[in-house]
Amino acid sequence: MLHIEPWNTASVRVAERVGFRREGMREGWLRIGDERRDVLVFALPHRDGHAAERPGGATSRTSRAPGHDRATGMH
């Protein structure tokens, strides 16, 4: 799974070119200093063409728990 900031179009193109598929966006998921940023979520599809389903996927709001830093896993 990849997480890329939406403004980073070069990285988005590379991810798509090597076979990753855009799955959605996590709002406020990445924390840099005191700022929270959105990230696009990419996954490699399985051989049947579908990406793996994971609990707490790209549209999950549980990833925005107050005080939780998803980048480090720390509170």
N, C-alpha and C. Protein backbone atom coordinates (compact mmCIF):
# COMPACT_ATOMS: atom_id res chain seq x y z
N MET A 1 0.84 -1.16 0.00
CA MET A 1 0.00 0.00 0.00
C MET A 1 0.90 1.24 0.00
N LEU A 2 0.51 2.23 -0.79
CA LEU A 2 1.23 3.50 -0.86
C LEU A 2 0.35 4.63 -0.39
N HIS A 3 0.97 5.63 0.20
CA HIS A 3 0.28 6.86 0.59
C HIS A 3 1.04 8.01 -0.05
N ILE A 4 0.36 8.81 -0.88
CA ILE A 4 1.00 9.90 -1.62
C ILE A 4 0.15 11.16 -1.44
N GLU A 5 0.81 12.29 -1.16
CA GLU A 5 0.08 13.54 -1.05
C GLU A 5 -0.48 13.90 -2.44
N PRO A 6 -1.72 14.41 -2.49
CA PRO A 6 -2.39 14.68 -3.77
C PRO A 6 -1.63 15.63 -4.69
N TRP A 7 -0.88 16.58 -4.15
CA TRP A 7 -0.14 17.53 -4.98
C TRP A 7 1.03 16.89 -5.70
N ASN A 8 1.46 15.71 -5.28
CA ASN A 8 2.66 15.07 -5.81
C ASN A 8 2.33 14.26 -7.07
N THR A 9 2.05 14.97 -8.15
CA THR A 9 1.58 14.32 -9.38
C THR A 9 2.63 13.40 -9.99
N ALA A 10 3.92 13.72 -9.83
CA ALA A 10 4.96 12.85 -10.38
C ALA A 10 4.93 11.48 -9.69
N SER A 11 4.78 11.46 -8.37
CA SER A 11 4.72 10.18 -7.64
C SER A 11 3.45 9.42 -7.98
N VAL A 12 2.34 10.13 -8.16
CA VAL A 12 1.09 9.48 -8.56
C VAL A 12 1.27 8.80 -9.91
N ARG A 13 1.89 9.48 -10.87
CA ARG A 13 2.12 8.89 -12.20
C ARG A 13 3.00 7.65 -12.10
N VAL A 14 4.07 7.71 -11.31
CA VAL A 14 4.96 6.56 -11.17
C VAL A 14 4.21 5.38 -10.55
N ALA A 15 3.44 5.63 -9.49
CA ALA A 15 2.69 4.55 -8.84
C ALA A 15 1.73 3.88 -9.83
N GLU A 16 1.01 4.69 -10.60
CA GLU A 16 0.06 4.13 -11.57
C GLU A 16 0.80 3.40 -12.69
N ARG A 17 1.93 3.92 -13.10
CA ARG A 17 2.70 3.31 -14.18
C ARG A 17 3.22 1.93 -13.81
N VAL A 18 3.56 1.72 -12.54
CA VAL A 18 4.10 0.41 -12.13
C VAL A 18 3.01 -0.54 -11.65
N GLY A 19 1.74 -0.12 -11.73
CA GLY A 19 0.65 -1.06 -11.47
C GLY A 19 -0.19 -0.81 -10.24
N PHE A 20 0.13 0.22 -9.45
CA PHE A 20 -0.72 0.53 -8.30
C PHE A 20 -2.02 1.16 -8.77
N ARG A 21 -3.08 0.89 -8.03
CA ARG A 21 -4.40 1.43 -8.35
C ARG A 21 -4.85 2.34 -7.22
N ARG A 22 -5.39 3.51 -7.58
CA ARG A 22 -5.88 4.46 -6.59
C ARG A 22 -7.11 3.89 -5.90
N GLU A 23 -7.07 3.87 -4.57
CA GLU A 23 -8.16 3.30 -3.77
C GLU A 23 -9.02 4.36 -3.09
N GLY A 24 -8.47 5.53 -2.87
CA GLY A 24 -9.23 6.58 -2.20
C GLY A 24 -8.31 7.60 -1.56
N MET A 25 -8.89 8.38 -0.64
CA MET A 25 -8.11 9.40 0.05
C MET A 25 -8.37 9.31 1.54
N ARG A 26 -7.33 9.52 2.33
CA ARG A 26 -7.47 9.64 3.78
C ARG A 26 -7.24 11.09 4.14
N GLU A 27 -8.28 11.72 4.63
CA GLU A 27 -8.21 13.14 4.97
C GLU A 27 -7.51 13.33 6.31
N GLY A 28 -6.53 14.23 6.33
CA GLY A 28 -5.82 14.54 7.56
C GLY A 28 -5.00 13.39 8.12
N TRP A 29 -4.64 12.43 7.31
CA TRP A 29 -3.99 11.21 7.78
C TRP A 29 -2.53 11.40 8.11
N LEU A 30 -1.83 12.21 7.31
CA LEU A 30 -0.40 12.40 7.50
C LEU A 30 -0.16 13.62 8.39
N ARG A 31 0.67 13.45 9.39
CA ARG A 31 0.99 14.57 10.28
C ARG A 31 2.45 14.96 10.08
N ILE A 32 2.64 16.22 9.73
CA ILE A 32 3.99 16.77 9.58
C ILE A 32 4.05 18.00 10.49
N GLY A 33 4.82 17.87 11.56
CA GLY A 33 4.86 18.93 12.57
C GLY A 33 3.48 19.07 13.19
N ASP A 34 2.94 20.28 13.17
CA ASP A 34 1.61 20.54 13.71
C ASP A 34 0.54 20.52 12.64
N GLU A 35 0.90 20.18 11.42
CA GLU A 35 -0.03 20.21 10.30
C GLU A 35 -0.48 18.80 9.93
N ARG A 36 -1.76 18.63 9.60
CA ARG A 36 -2.29 17.35 9.12
C ARG A 36 -2.57 17.50 7.63
N ARG A 37 -2.21 16.47 6.87
CA ARG A 37 -2.35 16.52 5.41
C ARG A 37 -3.12 15.32 4.90
N ASP A 38 -3.80 15.52 3.77
CA ASP A 38 -4.51 14.44 3.10
C ASP A 38 -3.50 13.61 2.31
N VAL A 39 -3.81 12.31 2.14
CA VAL A 39 -2.99 11.45 1.29
C VAL A 39 -3.90 10.59 0.42
N LEU A 40 -3.44 10.33 -0.79
CA LEU A 40 -4.09 9.37 -1.66
C LEU A 40 -3.57 7.99 -1.29
N VAL A 41 -4.45 7.00 -1.36
CA VAL A 41 -4.09 5.62 -1.02
C VAL A 41 -4.07 4.80 -2.30
N PHE A 42 -2.98 4.07 -2.50
CA PHE A 42 -2.82 3.21 -3.66
C PHE A 42 -2.54 1.78 -3.19
N ALA A 43 -3.03 0.81 -3.95
CA ALA A 43 -2.78 -0.60 -3.63
C ALA A 43 -2.50 -1.35 -4.92
N LEU A 44 -1.73 -2.42 -4.81
CA LEU A 44 -1.51 -3.30 -5.96
C LEU A 44 -2.70 -4.25 -6.07
N PRO A 45 -3.29 -4.37 -7.24
CA PRO A 45 -4.41 -5.31 -7.40
C PRO A 45 -3.95 -6.76 -7.31
N HIS A 46 -4.85 -7.62 -6.85
CA HIS A 46 -4.58 -9.06 -6.88
C HIS A 46 -4.63 -9.53 -8.32
N ARG A 47 -4.29 -10.76 -8.53
CA ARG A 47 -4.30 -11.29 -9.90
C ARG A 47 -5.67 -11.24 -10.55
N ASP A 48 -6.75 -11.25 -9.73
CA ASP A 48 -8.10 -11.19 -10.30
C ASP A 48 -8.50 -9.76 -10.64
N GLY A 49 -7.61 -8.78 -10.40
CA GLY A 49 -7.88 -7.40 -10.77
C GLY A 49 -8.46 -6.54 -9.67
N HIS A 50 -8.75 -7.13 -8.51
CA HIS A 50 -9.31 -6.36 -7.40
C HIS A 50 -8.26 -6.16 -6.32
N ALA A 51 -8.27 -4.98 -5.72
CA ALA A 51 -7.35 -4.72 -4.62
C ALA A 51 -7.85 -5.43 -3.36
N ALA A 52 -6.93 -5.69 -2.47
CA ALA A 52 -7.28 -6.36 -1.21
C ALA A 52 -8.16 -5.46 -0.35
N GLU A 53 -9.18 -6.05 0.25
CA GLU A 53 -10.02 -5.33 1.20
C GLU A 53 -9.37 -5.41 2.57
N ARG A 54 -9.26 -4.28 3.25
CA ARG A 54 -8.65 -4.26 4.57
C ARG A 54 -9.54 -3.48 5.52
N PRO A 55 -9.66 -3.95 6.75
CA PRO A 55 -10.41 -3.18 7.74
C PRO A 55 -9.77 -1.82 7.91
N GLY A 56 -10.60 -0.79 8.10
CA GLY A 56 -10.08 0.56 8.25
C GLY A 56 -9.47 1.07 6.96
N GLY A 57 -10.11 0.74 5.83
CA GLY A 57 -9.58 1.10 4.52
C GLY A 57 -9.56 2.60 4.25
N ALA A 58 -9.37 2.94 3.01
CA ALA A 58 -9.11 4.33 2.62
C ALA A 58 -10.20 5.31 3.03
N THR A 59 -11.43 4.86 3.16
CA THR A 59 -12.50 5.79 3.50
C THR A 59 -12.83 5.75 4.99
N SER A 60 -12.08 5.01 5.75
CA SER A 60 -12.36 4.89 7.19
C SER A 60 -12.09 6.18 7.93
N ARG A 61 -12.99 6.56 8.80
CA ARG A 61 -12.80 7.74 9.63
C ARG A 61 -12.05 7.39 10.91
N THR A 62 -11.90 6.10 11.20
CA THR A 62 -11.20 5.71 12.42
C THR A 62 -9.72 6.07 12.35
N SER A 63 -9.20 6.32 11.15
CA SER A 63 -7.80 6.67 11.01
C SER A 63 -7.52 8.10 11.47
N ARG A 64 -8.55 8.84 11.84
CA ARG A 64 -8.38 10.23 12.25
C ARG A 64 -8.60 10.40 13.75
N ALA A 65 -8.36 9.36 14.52
CA ALA A 65 -8.58 9.45 15.96
C ALA A 65 -7.76 10.60 16.54
N PRO A 66 -8.37 11.45 17.38
CA PRO A 66 -7.64 12.57 17.95
C PRO A 66 -6.40 12.11 18.70
N GLY A 67 -5.30 12.79 18.46
CA GLY A 67 -4.07 12.50 19.16
C GLY A 67 -3.29 11.32 18.61
N HIS A 68 -3.81 10.66 17.58
CA HIS A 68 -3.12 9.50 17.01
C HIS A 68 -2.38 9.92 15.76
N ASP A 69 -1.10 9.65 15.71
CA ASP A 69 -0.27 9.97 14.56
C ASP A 69 -0.09 8.71 13.73
N ARG A 70 -0.79 8.62 12.59
CA ARG A 70 -0.75 7.41 11.77
C ARG A 70 0.63 7.19 11.15
N ALA A 71 1.39 8.25 10.97
CA ALA A 71 2.71 8.10 10.37
C ALA A 71 3.66 7.35 11.30
N THR A 72 3.51 7.55 12.60
CA THR A 72 4.42 6.90 13.54
C THR A 72 3.73 5.83 14.39
N GLY A 73 2.39 5.83 14.40
CA GLY A 73 1.65 4.90 15.25
C GLY A 73 1.60 5.33 16.71
N MET A 74 2.04 6.55 16.95
CA MET A 74 2.12 7.06 18.33
C MET A 74 0.90 7.93 18.67
N HIS A 75 0.59 8.01 19.95
CA HIS A 75 -0.47 8.90 20.44
C HIS A 75 0.14 10.15 21.00
